[in-house]
PDB file of N, CA and C in Angstrom:
ATOM      1  N   MET A   1      -2.258  -0.074  16.473  1.00  0.00           N
ATOM      2  CA  MET A   1      -2.632  -0.111  17.862  1.00  0.00           C
ATOM      3  C   MET A   1      -2.082   1.103  18.607  1.00  0.00           C
ATOM      4  N   LYS A   2      -0.863   1.473  18.287  1.00  0.00           N
ATOM      5  CA  LYS A   2      -0.254   2.613  18.956  1.00  0.00           C
ATOM      6  C   LYS A   2      -1.065   3.878  18.671  1.00  0.00           C
ATOM      7  N   ASP A   3      -1.476   4.076  17.415  1.00  0.00           N
ATOM      8  CA  ASP A   3      -2.274   5.246  17.065  1.00  0.00           C
ATOM      9  C   ASP A   3      -3.631   5.210  17.760  1.00  0.00           C
ATOM     10  N   ASP A   4      -4.217   4.028  17.867  1.00  0.00           N
ATOM     11  CA  ASP A   4      -5.508   3.873  18.523  1.00  0.00           C
ATOM     12  C   ASP A   4      -5.424   4.295  19.984  1.00  0.00           C
ATOM     13  N   LYS A   5      -4.368   3.903  20.659  1.00  0.00           N
ATOM     14  CA  LYS A   5      -4.176   4.275  22.065  1.00  0.00           C
ATOM     15  C   LYS A   5      -4.013   5.779  22.230  1.00  0.00           C
ATOM     16  N   ARG A   6      -3.466   6.421  21.216  1.00  0.00           N
ATOM     17  CA  ARG A   6      -3.258   7.873  21.266  1.00  0.00           C
ATOM     18  C   ARG A   6      -4.464   8.651  20.744  1.00  0.00           C
ATOM     19  N   GLY A   7      -5.485   7.939  20.299  1.00  0.00           N
ATOM     20  CA  GLY A   7      -6.680   8.599  19.794  1.00  0.00           C
ATOM     21  C   GLY A   7      -6.530   9.163  18.398  1.00  0.00           C
ATOM     22  N   LYS A   8      -5.544   8.689  17.661  1.00  0.00           N
ATOM     23  CA  LYS A   8      -5.319   9.171  16.297  1.00  0.00           C
ATOM     24  C   LYS A   8      -6.184   8.387  15.323  1.00  0.00           C
ATOM     25  N   ALA A   9      -6.711   9.084  14.340  1.00  0.00           N
ATOM     26  CA  ALA A   9      -7.486   8.440  13.284  1.00  0.00           C
ATOM     27  C   ALA A   9      -6.541   7.723  12.320  1.00  0.00           C
ATOM     28  N   THR A  10      -6.957   6.581  11.820  1.00  0.00           N
ATOM     29  CA  THR A  10      -6.171   5.841  10.832  1.00  0.00           C
ATOM     30  C   THR A  10      -7.036   5.555   9.618  1.00  0.00           C
ATOM     31  N   LEU A  11      -6.391   5.231   8.524  1.00  0.00           N
ATOM     32  CA  LEU A  11      -7.114   4.898   7.309  1.00  0.00           C
ATOM     33  C   LEU A  11      -7.975   3.656   7.513  1.00  0.00           C
ATOM     34  N   VAL A  12      -7.466   2.700   8.241  1.00  0.00           N
ATOM     35  CA  VAL A  12      -8.226   1.471   8.499  1.00  0.00           C
ATOM     36  C   VAL A  12      -9.485   1.788   9.298  1.00  0.00           C
ATOM     37  N   GLN A  13      -9.377   2.670  10.274  1.00  0.00           N
ATOM     38  CA  GLN A  13     -10.563   3.054  11.047  1.00  0.00           C
ATOM     39  C   GLN A  13     -11.586   3.759  10.162  1.00  0.00           C
ATOM     40  N   ALA A  14     -11.112   4.616   9.282  1.00  0.00           N
ATOM     41  CA  ALA A  14     -12.006   5.394   8.435  1.00  0.00           C
ATOM     42  C   ALA A  14     -12.687   4.542   7.368  1.00  0.00           C
ATOM     43  N   LEU A  15     -11.947   3.619   6.758  1.00  0.00           N
ATOM     44  CA  LEU A  15     -12.467   2.851   5.633  1.00  0.00           C
ATOM     45  C   LEU A  15     -12.902   1.431   5.998  1.00  0.00           C
ATOM     46  N   GLY A  16     -12.358   0.910   7.071  1.00  0.00           N
ATOM     47  CA  GLY A  16     -12.545  -0.505   7.372  1.00  0.00           C
ATOM     48  C   GLY A  16     -11.408  -1.287   6.735  1.00  0.00           C
ATOM     49  N   ILE A  17     -11.135  -2.452   7.284  1.00  0.00           N
ATOM     50  CA  ILE A  17      -9.966  -3.224   6.861  1.00  0.00           C
ATOM     51  C   ILE A  17     -10.015  -3.625   5.382  1.00  0.00           C
ATOM     52  N   GLU A  18     -11.157  -4.105   4.923  1.00  0.00           N
ATOM     53  CA  GLU A  18     -11.235  -4.558   3.521  1.00  0.00           C
ATOM     54  C   GLU A  18     -11.089  -3.404   2.540  1.00  0.00           C
ATOM     55  N   ARG A  19     -11.754  -2.311   2.808  1.00  0.00           N
ATOM     56  CA  ARG A  19     -11.670  -1.152   1.909  1.00  0.00           C
ATOM     57  C   ARG A  19     -10.258  -0.554   1.936  1.00  0.00           C
ATOM     58  N   ALA A  20      -9.632  -0.540   3.102  1.00  0.00           N
ATOM     59  CA  ALA A  20      -8.253  -0.036   3.196  1.00  0.00           C
ATOM     60  C   ALA A  20      -7.307  -0.916   2.384  1.00  0.00           C
ATOM     61  N   ARG A  21      -7.514  -2.229   2.434  1.00  0.00           N
ATOM     62  CA  ARG A  21      -6.685  -3.139   1.626  1.00  0.00           C
ATOM     63  C   ARG A  21      -6.907  -2.902   0.139  1.00  0.00           C
ATOM     64  N   GLU A  22      -8.170  -2.728  -0.255  1.00  0.00           N
ATOM     65  CA  GLU A  22      -8.472  -2.453  -1.664  1.00  0.00           C
ATOM     66  C   GLU A  22      -7.799  -1.160  -2.116  1.00  0.00           C
ATOM     67  N   GLN A  23      -7.877  -0.145  -1.277  1.00  0.00           N
ATOM     68  CA  GLN A  23      -7.261   1.143  -1.612  1.00  0.00           C
ATOM     69  C   GLN A  23      -5.749   1.002  -1.740  1.00  0.00           C
ATOM     70  N   ALA A  24      -5.138   0.253  -0.846  1.00  0.00           N
ATOM     71  CA  ALA A  24      -3.695   0.026  -0.913  1.00  0.00           C
ATOM     72  C   ALA A  24      -3.317  -0.680  -2.207  1.00  0.00           C
ATOM     73  N   GLN A  25      -4.112  -1.660  -2.616  1.00  0.00           N
ATOM     74  CA  GLN A  25      -3.842  -2.379  -3.860  1.00  0.00           C
ATOM     75  C   GLN A  25      -3.984  -1.463  -5.071  1.00  0.00           C
ATOM     76  N   ILE A  26      -4.995  -0.627  -5.061  1.00  0.00           N
ATOM     77  CA  ILE A  26      -5.184   0.336  -6.154  1.00  0.00           C
ATOM     78  C   ILE A  26      -3.980   1.266  -6.260  1.00  0.00           C
ATOM     79  N   LEU A  27      -3.555   1.797  -5.133  1.00  0.00           N
ATOM     80  CA  LEU A  27      -2.426   2.725  -5.135  1.00  0.00           C
ATOM     81  C   LEU A  27      -1.127   2.038  -5.542  1.00  0.00           C
ATOM     82  N   ALA A  28      -0.941   0.800  -5.120  1.00  0.00           N
ATOM     83  CA  ALA A  28       0.264   0.057  -5.516  1.00  0.00           C
ATOM     84  C   ALA A  28       0.268  -0.185  -7.021  1.00  0.00           C
ATOM     85  N   ARG A  29      -0.888  -0.562  -7.583  1.00  0.00           N
ATOM     86  CA  ARG A  29      -0.966  -0.771  -9.041  1.00  0.00           C
ATOM     87  C   ARG A  29      -0.671   0.523  -9.793  1.00  0.00           C
ATOM     88  N   GLN A  30      -1.187   1.635  -9.291  1.00  0.00           N
ATOM     89  CA  GLN A  30      -0.908   2.927  -9.930  1.00  0.00           C
ATOM     90  C   GLN A  30       0.582   3.250  -9.861  1.00  0.00           C
ATOM     91  N   ALA A  31       1.173   3.035  -8.709  1.00  0.00           N
ATOM     92  CA  ALA A  31       2.606   3.307  -8.545  1.00  0.00           C
ATOM     93  C   ALA A  31       3.437   2.451  -9.493  1.00  0.00           C
ATOM     94  N   ILE A  32       3.087   1.176  -9.579  1.00  0.00           N
ATOM     95  CA  ILE A  32       3.810   0.263 -10.476  1.00  0.00           C
ATOM     96  C   ILE A  32       3.680   0.722 -11.919  1.00  0.00           C
ATOM     97  N   LYS A  33       2.500   1.152 -12.293  1.00  0.00           N
ATOM     98  CA  LYS A  33       2.277   1.634 -13.662  1.00  0.00           C
ATOM     99  C   LYS A  33       3.153   2.866 -13.946  1.00  0.00           C
ATOM    100  N   HIS A  34       3.264   3.746 -12.980  1.00  0.00           N
ATOM    101  CA  HIS A  34       4.088   4.946 -13.163  1.00  0.00           C
ATOM    102  C   HIS A  34       5.571   4.607 -13.303  1.00  0.00           C
ATOM    103  N   LEU A  35       5.962   3.444 -12.850  1.00  0.00           N
ATOM    104  CA  LEU A  35       7.364   3.025 -12.953  1.00  0.00           C
ATOM    105  C   LEU A  35       7.717   2.482 -14.337  1.00  0.00           C
ATOM    106  N   ASP A  36       6.727   2.321 -15.200  1.00  0.00           N
ATOM    107  CA  ASP A  36       6.974   1.778 -16.540  1.00  0.00           C
ATOM    108  C   ASP A  36       8.052   2.547 -17.309  1.00  0.00           C
ATOM    109  N   VAL A  37       8.115   3.841 -17.104  1.00  0.00           N
ATOM    110  CA  VAL A  37       9.091   4.652 -17.845  1.00  0.00           C
ATOM    111  C   VAL A  37      10.534   4.297 -17.483  1.00  0.00           C
ATOM    112  N   PHE A  38      10.725   3.621 -16.366  1.00  0.00           N
ATOM    113  CA  PHE A  38      12.069   3.257 -15.928  1.00  0.00           C
ATOM    114  C   PHE A  38      12.469   1.836 -16.325  1.00  0.00           C
ATOM    115  N   ASP A  39      11.591   1.153 -17.047  1.00  0.00           N
ATOM    116  CA  ASP A  39      11.857  -0.208 -17.510  1.00  0.00           C
ATOM    117  C   ASP A  39      12.343  -1.103 -16.368  1.00  0.00           C
ATOM    118  N   LYS A  40      13.374  -1.884 -16.628  1.00  0.00           N
ATOM    119  CA  LYS A  40      13.882  -2.849 -15.647  1.00  0.00           C
ATOM    120  C   LYS A  40      14.572  -2.194 -14.453  1.00  0.00           C
ATOM    121  N   LYS A  41      14.964  -0.946 -14.603  1.00  0.00           N
ATOM    122  CA  LYS A  41      15.654  -0.256 -13.513  1.00  0.00           C
ATOM    123  C   LYS A  41      14.794  -0.156 -12.254  1.00  0.00           C
ATOM    124  N   ALA A  42      13.480  -0.232 -12.415  1.00  0.00           N
ATOM    125  CA  ALA A  42      12.567  -0.063 -11.279  1.00  0.00           C
ATOM    126  C   ALA A  42      12.018  -1.388 -10.751  1.00  0.00           C
ATOM    127  N   ASN A  43      12.612  -2.492 -11.161  1.00  0.00           N
ATOM    128  CA  ASN A  43      12.085  -3.791 -10.722  1.00  0.00           C
ATOM    129  C   ASN A  43      12.058  -3.945  -9.202  1.00  0.00           C
ATOM    130  N   HIS A  44      13.060  -3.423  -8.513  1.00  0.00           N
ATOM    131  CA  HIS A  44      13.079  -3.522  -7.050  1.00  0.00           C
ATOM    132  C   HIS A  44      11.906  -2.752  -6.438  1.00  0.00           C
ATOM    133  N   LEU A  45      11.602  -1.597  -7.000  1.00  0.00           N
ATOM    134  CA  LEU A  45      10.477  -0.813  -6.493  1.00  0.00           C
ATOM    135  C   LEU A  45       9.145  -1.506  -6.773  1.00  0.00           C
ATOM    136  N   ARG A  46       9.032  -2.128  -7.926  1.00  0.00           N
ATOM    137  CA  ARG A  46       7.815  -2.886  -8.236  1.00  0.00           C
ATOM    138  C   ARG A  46       7.625  -4.026  -7.238  1.00  0.00           C
ATOM    139  N   THR A  47       8.709  -4.739  -6.992  1.00  0.00           N
ATOM    140  CA  THR A  47       8.663  -5.844  -6.040  1.00  0.00           C
ATOM    141  C   THR A  47       8.286  -5.345  -4.650  1.00  0.00           C
ATOM    142  N   LEU A  48       8.841  -4.237  -4.253  1.00  0.00           N
ATOM    143  CA  LEU A  48       8.536  -3.666  -2.944  1.00  0.00           C
ATOM    144  C   LEU A  48       7.063  -3.263  -2.846  1.00  0.00           C
ATOM    145  N   ALA A  49       6.537  -2.648  -3.880  1.00  0.00           N
ATOM    146  CA  ALA A  49       5.122  -2.249  -3.876  1.00  0.00           C
ATOM    147  C   ALA A  49       4.215  -3.458  -3.735  1.00  0.00           C
ATOM    148  N   GLU A  50       4.538  -4.534  -4.444  1.00  0.00           N
ATOM    149  CA  GLU A  50       3.751  -5.772  -4.333  1.00  0.00           C
ATOM    150  C   GLU A  50       3.869  -6.362  -2.930  1.00  0.00           C
ATOM    151  N   PHE A  51       5.057  -6.356  -2.384  1.00  0.00           N
ATOM    152  CA  PHE A  51       5.283  -6.914  -1.049  1.00  0.00           C
ATOM    153  C   PHE A  51       4.455  -6.178   0.003  1.00  0.00           C
ATOM    154  N   VAL A  52       4.459  -4.867  -0.088  1.00  0.00           N
ATOM    155  CA  VAL A  52       3.766  -4.056   0.927  1.00  0.00           C
ATOM    156  C   VAL A  52       2.276  -4.373   0.984  1.00  0.00           C
ATOM    157  N   VAL A  53       1.661  -4.617  -0.162  1.00  0.00           N
ATOM    158  CA  VAL A  53       0.203  -4.859  -0.154  1.00  0.00           C
ATOM    159  C   VAL A  53      -0.152  -6.334   0.015  1.00  0.00           C
ATOM    160  N   THR A  54       0.816  -7.235  -0.092  1.00  0.00           N
ATOM    161  CA  THR A  54       0.484  -8.655   0.037  1.00  0.00           C
ATOM    162  C   THR A  54       0.992  -9.282   1.332  1.00  0.00           C
ATOM    163  N   ARG A  55       1.878  -8.600   2.036  1.00  0.00           N
ATOM    164  CA  ARG A  55       2.457  -9.182   3.260  1.00  0.00           C
ATOM    165  C   ARG A  55       1.408  -9.299   4.362  1.00  0.00           C
ATOM    166  N   ARG A  56       1.654 -10.228   5.216  1.00  0.00           N
ATOM    167  CA  ARG A  56       0.825 -10.414   6.412  1.00  0.00           C
ATOM    168  C   ARG A  56       1.739 -10.307   7.607  1.00  0.00           C
ATOM    169  N   SER A  57       1.338  -9.568   8.624  1.00  0.00           N
ATOM    170  CA  SER A  57       2.191  -9.345   9.794  1.00  0.00           C
ATOM    171  C   SER A  57       2.574 -10.619  10.481  1.00  0.00           C
TER     172      SER A  57
END
């Protein structure tokens, strides 16, 4: 909302809410996959990536 009031473009405006959510999920899955090399050491980051795309305000 703050960006909208300032006339700034956002990803949600460009893609629409559903497509932006899909894109966020794709990027989170990619990020999680890249963390595989760190084994269990990256579990907190994996959890955080999942939280960011599944949380509701």
